[in-house]
Amino acid sequence: MQHAIFDWIKAIIRKLIFTLSALSPRSSNKALFGSYKERYCDNSKYLYLHWQQTKFIRCIWISGDQDVIKQLQSQNLEVYYRWSMKGIYHALTAKYYFYNSYIGDINQWLANGALKVNLWHGLPMKKIEFDINAGPMAQVFNPKGSLALYKQWLFAHQQRITPDLMLSPSPLIDSLFSSAFRLNSSQLLRATNPRTDYYIIHPSQRTQLNQNALQGASQSASQSHYHSDHESDDQADKPSIILYAPSWRDSHKQGNPYSSAFDWQQLSNHLVTNNQLFLLRLHPNEASLADELTSYPNIINISQLEDVYGFLQEVDLLITDYSSLFIDALPLNTPICFYRFDEAHYQQDCRDMYEYAEKLPVIAPKCTSFNELLGALAPEAIVKQKKSYRESYQSVSELFWGKDTPTAFEALEEWL
């Protein structure tokens, strides 16, 4: 009981600090950046990098992870620990906050008075934020009763802070973001995403996939290794790259849903026989689940990588389920496969899908069993798919990305 009272007092004090932070004077020539789970990744990373190079505005990365801070310092980039004196000072005096999820990516208690630009981390197919009406996240965004609402206002502070601006590449995304984040039209800026724009503008910065890079990306090189029956080093014998990037299954509290979704030994045998590499990238909230799944040849855990955008153009097949990563891959004409091994559970106990998602043209095969997936991984199936779905890719890509949509960089620079 005493502990609960202390938690309420602490939450009220923090809310008061947030309210008072609006009184701090803020510099219009200073922008702060941060990302979820203290990672250095996604849209905020690429906007930060671009403006660091063009010197458009002073850019400062804020993090609570000392390894990230050392990494950026080694690249001569400006970065500060969140609760250092400089981190607190800049959180109180920067006019702009650019973040991937919530203001806590930077500092959720000192953000009041700053212009908050939520770059978000995907164009949604599954319901997000205030549109969530099923699963464990529903109680955060749509609690039942006045007391529950007040509790979430205190304890889910950053989730209930409305951004001042979001980027939207098309009318479809306008409608989704307006509903999910409770925005009006003036809070939406027509633009693509920094993460999809950066490597078009800076192609020399792309990551070249090779065995050393992949082994370095793995949590443990001894747990992820490549074997091939092809002995030649010719370009034609380079392994095909298969990227598996599923959504976060926020309703799975126990066990590893991926253990039973795959026959990992059979998958490994298939990969070796067909000279393919299977890159396993789980959501940051589930990254630890990958540890037990990568002790097989040609299955490599890249869940600890910052992101995949530096090499997405090299992927020969993207496997996902409800993740919006496939939307980012559409303009690249990357073959896609949807593996929804728990479709009924996901939609019943995790989150509903947006209505439009059920009406999209068929752009890729949908597999619900491992045997179906294995068939989709056959090299001839991948080649056939790339030809079969080309027109559908273009129409769906336009639905999400619009026509002649400005880049995030030019749109934000004009807005600023």
Protein backbone atom coordinates (compact mmCIF):
# COMPACT_ATOMS: atom_id res chain seq x y z
CA MET A 1 0.00 0.00 0.00
CA GLN A 2 2.79 2.39 0.97
CA HIS A 3 4.65 1.59 -2.23
CA ALA A 4 1.53 2.32 -4.31
CA ILE A 5 1.05 5.70 -2.62
CA PHE A 6 4.67 6.57 -3.33
CA ASP A 7 4.18 5.70 -7.03
CA TRP A 8 1.18 8.06 -7.23
CA ILE A 9 3.09 10.89 -5.54
CA LYS A 10 6.05 10.40 -7.87
CA ALA A 11 3.77 10.43 -10.94
CA ILE A 12 2.09 13.66 -9.80
CA ILE A 13 5.46 15.36 -9.19
CA ARG A 14 6.67 14.33 -12.63
CA LYS A 15 3.51 15.69 -14.20
CA LEU A 16 4.12 18.99 -12.40
CA ILE A 17 7.71 19.11 -13.71
CA PHE A 18 6.42 18.54 -17.23
CA THR A 19 3.93 21.39 -16.83
CA LEU A 20 6.60 23.79 -15.54
CA SER A 21 9.04 22.89 -18.35
CA ALA A 22 6.85 24.99 -20.67
CA LEU A 23 8.30 28.10 -18.98
CA SER A 24 11.84 27.41 -20.22
CA PRO A 25 13.07 29.61 -23.13
CA ARG A 26 13.88 27.51 -26.21
CA SER A 27 16.33 28.02 -29.09
CA SER A 28 14.90 27.76 -32.62
CA ASN A 29 18.33 26.71 -33.93
CA LYS A 30 18.51 23.52 -31.88
CA ALA A 31 16.84 20.15 -32.46
CA LEU A 32 16.94 17.04 -30.28
CA PHE A 33 16.65 13.46 -31.54
CA GLY A 34 16.09 10.09 -29.90
CA SER A 35 14.68 6.64 -30.47
CA TYR A 36 12.79 3.87 -28.68
CA LYS A 37 14.58 1.35 -26.45
CA GLU A 38 17.57 3.75 -26.40
CA ARG A 39 18.52 2.50 -29.88
CA TYR A 40 20.19 4.57 -32.56
CA CYS A 41 17.83 3.79 -35.41
CA ASP A 42 14.87 4.51 -37.63
CA ASN A 43 13.51 7.83 -38.89
CA SER A 44 15.05 10.05 -36.23
CA LYS A 45 18.50 8.56 -36.90
CA TYR A 46 18.33 9.33 -40.61
CA LEU A 47 16.99 12.85 -40.17
CA TYR A 48 19.75 13.47 -37.59
CA LEU A 49 22.43 12.10 -39.93
CA HIS A 50 21.22 14.09 -42.92
CA TRP A 51 21.11 17.38 -41.06
CA GLN A 52 24.46 16.67 -39.44
CA GLN A 53 25.88 16.45 -42.95
CA THR A 54 24.05 19.46 -44.41
CA LYS A 55 24.42 21.61 -41.25
CA PHE A 56 20.82 22.76 -41.66
CA ILE A 57 20.28 23.03 -37.89
CA ARG A 58 22.18 22.08 -34.76
CA CYS A 59 21.34 18.42 -34.13
CA ILE A 60 21.81 16.68 -30.78
CA TRP A 61 21.14 13.02 -30.05
CA ILE A 62 19.85 12.19 -26.56
CA SER A 63 20.16 8.69 -25.12
CA GLY A 64 20.20 6.76 -21.88
CA ASP A 65 22.56 4.11 -23.31
CA GLN A 66 26.26 4.69 -22.75
CA ASP A 67 27.23 2.39 -25.63
CA VAL A 68 25.17 4.47 -28.06
CA ILE A 69 26.73 7.63 -26.66
CA LYS A 70 30.27 6.25 -27.14
CA GLN A 71 29.38 5.09 -30.66
CA LEU A 72 28.22 8.55 -31.73
CA GLN A 73 31.06 10.31 -29.95
CA SER A 74 33.53 8.13 -31.88
CA GLN A 75 31.94 9.52 -35.08
CA ASN A 76 32.29 13.10 -33.82
CA LEU A 77 28.51 13.48 -33.57
CA GLU A 78 26.91 15.58 -30.83
CA VAL A 79 25.25 13.36 -28.25
CA TYR A 80 24.50 13.57 -24.51
CA TYR A 81 23.30 11.29 -21.78
CA ARG A 82 19.67 12.08 -20.95
CA TRP A 83 20.22 12.91 -17.27
CA SER A 84 23.61 14.60 -17.57
CA MET A 85 23.71 18.35 -16.96
CA LYS A 86 24.05 19.01 -20.70
CA GLY A 87 21.31 16.51 -21.51
CA ILE A 88 18.91 18.24 -19.13
CA TYR A 89 19.95 21.70 -20.33
CA HIS A 90 19.34 20.88 -24.00
CA ALA A 91 16.05 19.10 -23.22
CA LEU A 92 14.85 22.33 -21.61
CA THR A 93 16.18 24.73 -24.24
CA ALA A 94 15.74 23.04 -27.64
CA LYS A 95 12.72 24.16 -29.62
CA TYR A 96 12.37 20.94 -31.64
CA TYR A 97 11.99 17.29 -30.57
CA PHE A 98 12.20 14.62 -33.32
CA TYR A 99 11.44 11.10 -32.15
CA ASN A 100 10.29 7.68 -33.40
CA SER A 101 7.64 6.69 -30.84
CA TYR A 102 7.11 8.96 -27.82
CA ILE A 103 8.72 12.04 -26.29
CA GLY A 104 10.43 9.70 -23.82
CA ASP A 105 12.75 8.78 -26.70
CA ILE A 106 14.31 12.14 -25.73
CA ASN A 107 12.93 13.31 -22.37
CA GLN A 108 9.27 12.93 -21.52
CA TRP A 109 9.36 15.20 -18.45
CA LEU A 110 11.10 18.24 -19.96
CA ALA A 111 9.40 18.38 -23.38
CA ASN A 112 6.56 20.81 -22.68
CA GLY A 113 7.02 23.95 -24.73
CA ALA A 114 9.04 22.24 -27.46
CA LEU A 115 7.56 21.54 -30.89
CA LYS A 116 7.17 17.76 -30.89
CA VAL A 117 7.55 15.98 -34.25
CA ASN A 118 6.64 12.32 -34.09
CA LEU A 119 8.33 10.61 -37.05
CA TRP A 120 6.74 7.29 -36.02
CA HIS A 121 8.17 3.94 -37.06
CA GLY A 122 5.80 2.54 -39.63
CA LEU A 123 2.78 3.02 -41.84
CA PRO A 124 0.21 0.95 -39.97
CA MET A 125 -1.78 -2.11 -41.00
CA LYS A 126 -2.58 -3.18 -37.46
CA LYS A 127 -4.39 -0.67 -35.26
CA ILE A 128 -2.18 1.72 -33.31
CA GLU A 129 -2.51 4.13 -30.38
CA PHE A 130 -6.05 5.43 -29.76
CA ASP A 131 -7.46 3.11 -32.41
CA ILE A 132 -6.47 0.03 -30.37
CA ASN A 133 -9.59 -1.54 -28.93
CA ALA A 134 -8.38 -5.10 -28.23
CA GLY A 135 -5.43 -6.72 -26.49
CA PRO A 136 -3.28 -5.45 -23.61
CA MET A 137 -2.58 -2.03 -25.14
CA ALA A 138 -6.30 -1.15 -25.21
CA GLN A 139 -6.28 -0.40 -21.48
CA VAL A 140 -3.56 2.22 -22.04
CA PHE A 141 -5.28 4.14 -24.81
CA ASN A 142 -8.95 3.38 -24.18
CA PRO A 143 -9.38 2.69 -20.46
CA LYS A 144 -12.86 2.14 -19.07
CA GLY A 145 -14.09 4.62 -16.45
CA SER A 146 -12.94 8.00 -15.14
CA LEU A 147 -10.53 6.62 -12.53
CA ALA A 148 -8.83 4.37 -15.08
CA LEU A 149 -8.56 7.30 -17.49
CA TYR A 150 -6.97 9.53 -14.84
CA LYS A 151 -4.56 6.73 -13.91
CA GLN A 152 -3.42 6.37 -17.52
CA TRP A 153 -3.08 10.16 -17.82
CA LEU A 154 -0.59 9.99 -14.94
CA PHE A 155 1.19 6.71 -15.52
CA ALA A 156 1.04 6.48 -19.32
CA HIS A 157 2.12 10.11 -19.58
CA GLN A 158 4.05 10.12 -22.84
CA GLN A 159 1.57 7.92 -24.71
CA ARG A 160 -1.08 10.57 -24.19
CA ILE A 161 0.96 13.57 -25.36
CA THR A 162 -0.29 14.68 -28.79
CA PRO A 163 2.51 15.50 -31.25
CA ASP A 164 2.55 18.88 -32.93
CA LEU A 165 3.43 17.36 -36.29
CA MET A 166 3.60 14.02 -38.07
CA LEU A 167 4.72 13.13 -41.60
CA SER A 168 2.15 11.53 -43.89
CA PRO A 169 2.93 10.43 -47.45
CA SER A 170 -0.65 9.92 -48.71
CA PRO A 171 -4.36 10.53 -48.03
CA LEU A 172 -4.68 6.99 -46.66
CA ILE A 173 -2.06 7.67 -44.00
CA ASP A 174 -3.68 11.04 -43.27
CA SER A 175 -6.83 9.27 -42.20
CA LEU A 176 -5.01 6.64 -40.13
CA PHE A 177 -2.74 9.05 -38.26
CA SER A 178 -5.55 11.56 -37.69
CA SER A 179 -7.60 8.88 -35.98
CA ALA A 180 -4.82 7.08 -34.12
CA PHE A 181 -3.09 10.20 -32.76
CA ARG A 182 -6.10 12.52 -32.58
CA LEU A 183 -4.66 15.02 -35.05
CA ASN A 184 -6.19 17.68 -37.25
CA SER A 185 -5.08 18.39 -40.82
CA SER A 186 -2.70 21.18 -39.76
CA GLN A 187 -0.68 18.65 -37.76
CA LEU A 188 0.06 16.50 -40.82
CA LEU A 189 2.83 17.29 -43.29
CA ARG A 190 2.88 15.62 -46.70
CA ALA A 191 6.24 13.84 -46.92
CA THR A 192 7.91 10.46 -47.19
CA ASN A 193 10.11 9.08 -44.38
CA PRO A 194 13.74 9.90 -43.55
CA ARG A 195 14.62 6.19 -43.36
CA THR A 196 13.42 5.55 -46.93
CA ASP A 197 14.85 8.80 -48.30
CA TYR A 198 18.33 8.73 -46.80
CA TYR A 199 19.95 6.05 -48.94
CA ILE A 200 18.44 7.48 -52.12
CA ILE A 201 20.13 10.79 -51.36
CA HIS A 202 23.26 9.20 -49.86
CA PRO A 203 23.73 5.90 -51.78
CA SER A 204 27.40 5.65 -50.79
CA GLN A 205 26.31 5.12 -47.18
CA ARG A 206 24.53 1.83 -47.91
CA THR A 207 25.68 -1.29 -46.11
CA GLN A 208 27.27 -3.97 -48.27
CA LEU A 209 26.27 -7.36 -46.96
CA ASN A 210 29.09 -9.86 -46.67
CA GLN A 211 29.95 -12.66 -44.31
CA ASN A 212 32.08 -10.51 -42.00
CA ALA A 213 29.34 -7.91 -41.71
CA LEU A 214 26.69 -10.53 -41.01
CA GLN A 215 28.78 -12.34 -38.42
CA GLY A 216 29.52 -9.02 -36.75
CA ALA A 217 25.81 -8.21 -36.68
CA SER A 218 25.00 -11.44 -34.88
CA GLN A 219 24.92 -11.45 -31.10
CA SER A 220 27.35 -14.36 -31.14
CA ALA A 221 29.35 -15.41 -34.17
CA SER A 222 29.60 -18.90 -32.73
CA GLN A 223 25.80 -19.17 -32.78
CA SER A 224 25.26 -17.98 -36.35
CA HIS A 225 27.27 -19.45 -39.18
CA TYR A 226 27.09 -19.80 -42.93
CA HIS A 227 27.55 -23.02 -44.80
CA SER A 228 27.10 -23.61 -48.52
CA ASP A 229 27.54 -26.52 -50.87
CA HIS A 230 28.64 -23.97 -53.48
CA GLU A 231 32.43 -23.71 -53.40
CA SER A 232 32.92 -20.99 -56.03
CA ASP A 233 33.43 -17.37 -55.04
CA ASP A 234 31.82 -16.12 -58.28
CA GLN A 235 29.15 -13.45 -58.01
CA ALA A 236 26.60 -15.98 -59.28
CA ASP A 237 27.18 -18.14 -56.21
CA LYS A 238 26.60 -15.41 -53.65
CA PRO A 239 23.93 -16.57 -51.23
CA SER A 240 20.39 -15.24 -51.60
CA ILE A 241 19.30 -13.06 -48.68
CA ILE A 242 16.01 -13.80 -46.93
CA LEU A 243 14.97 -11.32 -44.24
CA TYR A 244 12.41 -12.37 -41.62
CA ALA A 245 11.04 -9.36 -39.71
CA PRO A 246 7.80 -10.12 -37.84
CA SER A 247 5.63 -7.77 -35.79
CA TRP A 248 5.72 -7.52 -32.02
CA ARG A 249 3.31 -10.01 -30.52
CA ASP A 250 2.35 -7.95 -27.50
CA SER A 251 -0.13 -10.55 -26.22
CA HIS A 252 2.47 -13.30 -25.86
CA LYS A 253 3.63 -13.06 -22.26
CA GLN A 254 5.14 -16.53 -21.89
CA GLY A 255 7.02 -18.86 -24.17
CA ASN A 256 8.53 -18.25 -27.58
CA PRO A 257 5.92 -18.20 -30.37
CA TYR A 258 8.63 -18.61 -33.02
CA SER A 259 9.89 -21.92 -31.63
CA SER A 260 6.80 -23.78 -32.80
CA ALA A 261 6.17 -21.63 -35.88
CA PHE A 262 9.25 -23.05 -37.61
CA ASP A 263 11.03 -26.35 -37.92
CA TRP A 264 14.38 -24.65 -37.54
CA GLN A 265 16.49 -27.68 -38.47
CA GLN A 266 14.46 -28.32 -41.62
CA LEU A 267 14.65 -24.64 -42.50
CA SER A 268 18.43 -24.69 -42.06
CA ASN A 269 18.76 -27.75 -44.30
CA HIS A 270 16.72 -26.01 -46.99
CA LEU A 271 18.86 -22.86 -46.74
CA VAL A 272 22.14 -24.73 -47.05
CA THR A 273 20.90 -26.77 -50.02
CA ASN A 274 19.68 -23.66 -51.86
CA ASN A 275 22.54 -21.32 -50.89
CA GLN A 276 20.33 -18.94 -48.93
CA LEU A 277 20.90 -16.91 -45.77
CA PHE A 278 18.02 -16.35 -43.35
CA LEU A 279 18.39 -13.09 -41.43
CA LEU A 280 16.26 -13.16 -38.29
CA ARG A 281 15.23 -9.73 -37.02
CA LEU A 282 12.73 -9.74 -34.19
CA HIS A 283 11.05 -6.61 -32.84
CA PRO A 284 13.15 -4.81 -30.17
CA ASN A 285 10.61 -5.86 -27.52
CA GLU A 286 11.21 -9.53 -28.43
CA ALA A 287 14.86 -9.48 -29.47
CA SER A 288 15.94 -11.86 -26.69
CA LEU A 289 13.69 -14.59 -28.15
CA ALA A 290 16.03 -14.91 -31.12
CA ASP A 291 18.92 -16.22 -29.03
CA GLU A 292 17.65 -19.78 -28.93
CA LEU A 293 16.75 -19.91 -32.62
CA THR A 294 20.05 -19.21 -34.35
CA SER A 295 22.27 -22.20 -33.56
CA TYR A 296 21.74 -23.54 -37.09
CA PRO A 297 23.77 -23.05 -40.29
CA ASN A 298 22.65 -20.14 -42.48
CA ILE A 299 20.31 -18.66 -39.84
CA ILE A 300 21.74 -15.41 -38.54
CA ASN A 301 20.35 -13.27 -35.73
CA ILE A 302 20.45 -9.57 -36.63
CA SER A 303 17.93 -8.48 -33.98
CA GLN A 304 20.56 -6.25 -32.37
CA LEU A 305 21.28 -4.31 -35.56
CA GLU A 306 20.22 -0.67 -35.49
CA ASP A 307 17.92 -1.23 -38.49
CA VAL A 308 17.81 -2.85 -41.93
CA TYR A 309 17.51 0.15 -44.24
CA GLY A 310 21.17 0.22 -45.20
CA PHE A 311 20.88 -3.16 -46.93
CA LEU A 312 17.16 -3.52 -47.66
CA GLN A 313 17.88 -3.09 -51.38
CA GLU A 314 19.97 -6.32 -51.26
CA VAL A 315 17.22 -8.51 -49.80
CA ASP A 316 15.95 -11.18 -52.20
CA LEU A 317 12.84 -12.04 -50.16
CA LEU A 318 11.19 -10.24 -47.24
CA ILE A 319 9.08 -12.36 -44.90
CA THR A 320 6.83 -10.52 -42.49
CA ASP A 321 3.29 -10.78 -41.13
CA TYR A 322 1.59 -7.56 -40.02
CA SER A 323 4.67 -5.34 -39.98
CA SER A 324 4.75 -2.25 -42.15
CA LEU A 325 8.31 -3.01 -43.26
CA PHE A 326 6.87 -4.50 -46.45
CA ILE A 327 5.53 -1.03 -47.31
CA ASP A 328 9.06 0.37 -47.21
CA ALA A 329 10.20 -2.49 -49.48
CA LEU A 330 7.49 -1.95 -52.13
CA PRO A 331 9.32 0.79 -54.07
CA LEU A 332 12.35 -1.55 -54.25
CA ASN A 333 10.25 -4.30 -55.90
CA THR A 334 11.48 -6.74 -53.27
CA PRO A 335 9.56 -10.06 -53.31
CA ILE A 336 7.43 -10.38 -50.18
CA CYS A 337 5.86 -13.27 -48.30
CA PHE A 338 3.40 -12.95 -45.42
CA TYR A 339 3.84 -15.68 -42.81
CA ARG A 340 0.86 -15.44 -40.45
CA PHE A 341 1.18 -18.62 -38.41
CA ASP A 342 -1.01 -17.25 -35.61
CA GLU A 343 -3.45 -15.09 -37.54
CA ALA A 344 -6.54 -15.99 -35.51
CA HIS A 345 -4.79 -15.49 -32.16
CA TYR A 346 -3.14 -12.25 -33.26
CA GLN A 347 -6.36 -10.60 -34.34
CA GLN A 348 -8.36 -11.89 -31.39
CA ASP A 349 -5.93 -11.39 -28.50
CA CYS A 350 -3.34 -8.92 -29.80
CA ARG A 351 -4.67 -6.24 -32.13
CA ASP A 352 -7.25 -5.79 -34.86
CA MET A 353 -6.21 -4.86 -38.38
CA TYR A 354 -7.40 -1.67 -40.04
CA GLU A 355 -10.32 -2.29 -42.38
CA TYR A 356 -8.40 -1.12 -45.46
CA ALA A 357 -5.76 -3.82 -44.90
CA GLU A 358 -8.27 -6.55 -45.66
CA LYS A 359 -9.09 -4.93 -49.01
CA LEU A 360 -5.58 -4.47 -50.39
CA PRO A 361 -4.81 -6.10 -53.74
CA VAL A 362 -2.94 -9.37 -53.36
CA ILE A 363 0.73 -8.48 -53.62
CA ALA A 364 2.32 -11.60 -52.15
CA PRO A 365 1.55 -15.14 -51.02
CA LYS A 366 0.17 -15.61 -47.51
CA CYS A 367 1.39 -18.68 -45.64
CA THR A 368 -0.19 -19.94 -42.45
CA SER A 369 1.86 -23.12 -41.99
CA PHE A 370 5.57 -23.85 -42.05
CA ASN A 371 5.23 -26.22 -45.01
CA GLU A 372 3.56 -23.47 -47.04
CA LEU A 373 6.37 -21.12 -46.10
CA LEU A 374 9.03 -23.61 -47.11
CA GLY A 375 7.44 -23.82 -50.55
CA ALA A 376 7.57 -20.02 -50.86
CA LEU A 377 11.31 -20.09 -50.05
CA ALA A 378 12.15 -22.23 -53.09
CA PRO A 379 14.39 -20.18 -55.43
CA GLU A 380 12.05 -20.71 -58.39
CA ALA A 381 9.09 -19.50 -56.29
CA ILE A 382 10.91 -16.29 -55.42
CA VAL A 383 11.78 -15.62 -59.07
CA LYS A 384 8.19 -16.30 -60.14
CA GLN A 385 6.79 -14.01 -57.47
CA LYS A 386 8.94 -11.06 -58.52
CA LYS A 387 7.38 -11.25 -61.99
CA SER A 388 3.83 -12.10 -60.95
CA TYR A 389 3.11 -9.24 -58.56
CA ARG A 390 4.82 -6.30 -60.25
CA GLU A 391 1.66 -4.37 -61.18
CA SER A 392 0.09 -4.94 -57.76
CA TYR A 393 3.27 -3.67 -56.09
CA GLN A 394 3.02 -0.42 -58.01
CA SER A 395 -0.64 0.24 -57.19
CA VAL A 396 -0.27 -0.59 -53.49
CA SER A 397 2.94 1.42 -53.26
CA GLU A 398 1.11 4.44 -54.64
CA LEU A 399 -1.69 3.94 -52.10
CA PHE A 400 0.81 4.27 -49.25
CA TRP A 401 3.39 6.62 -50.72
CA GLY A 402 1.29 8.78 -53.01
CA LYS A 403 2.56 10.38 -56.24
CA ASP A 404 5.53 12.74 -56.35
CA THR A 405 5.51 13.04 -52.55
CA PRO A 406 8.24 15.37 -51.25
CA THR A 407 11.10 13.87 -49.27
CA ALA A 408 11.00 14.24 -45.50
CA PHE A 409 14.09 16.43 -45.64
CA GLU A 410 12.74 19.04 -48.05
CA ALA A 411 9.28 19.08 -46.46
CA LEU A 412 10.61 19.51 -42.92
CA GLU A 413 13.13 22.15 -43.96
CA GLU A 414 10.35 24.19 -45.56
CA TRP A 415 8.15 23.69 -42.49
CA LEU A 416 10.92 24.81 -40.13
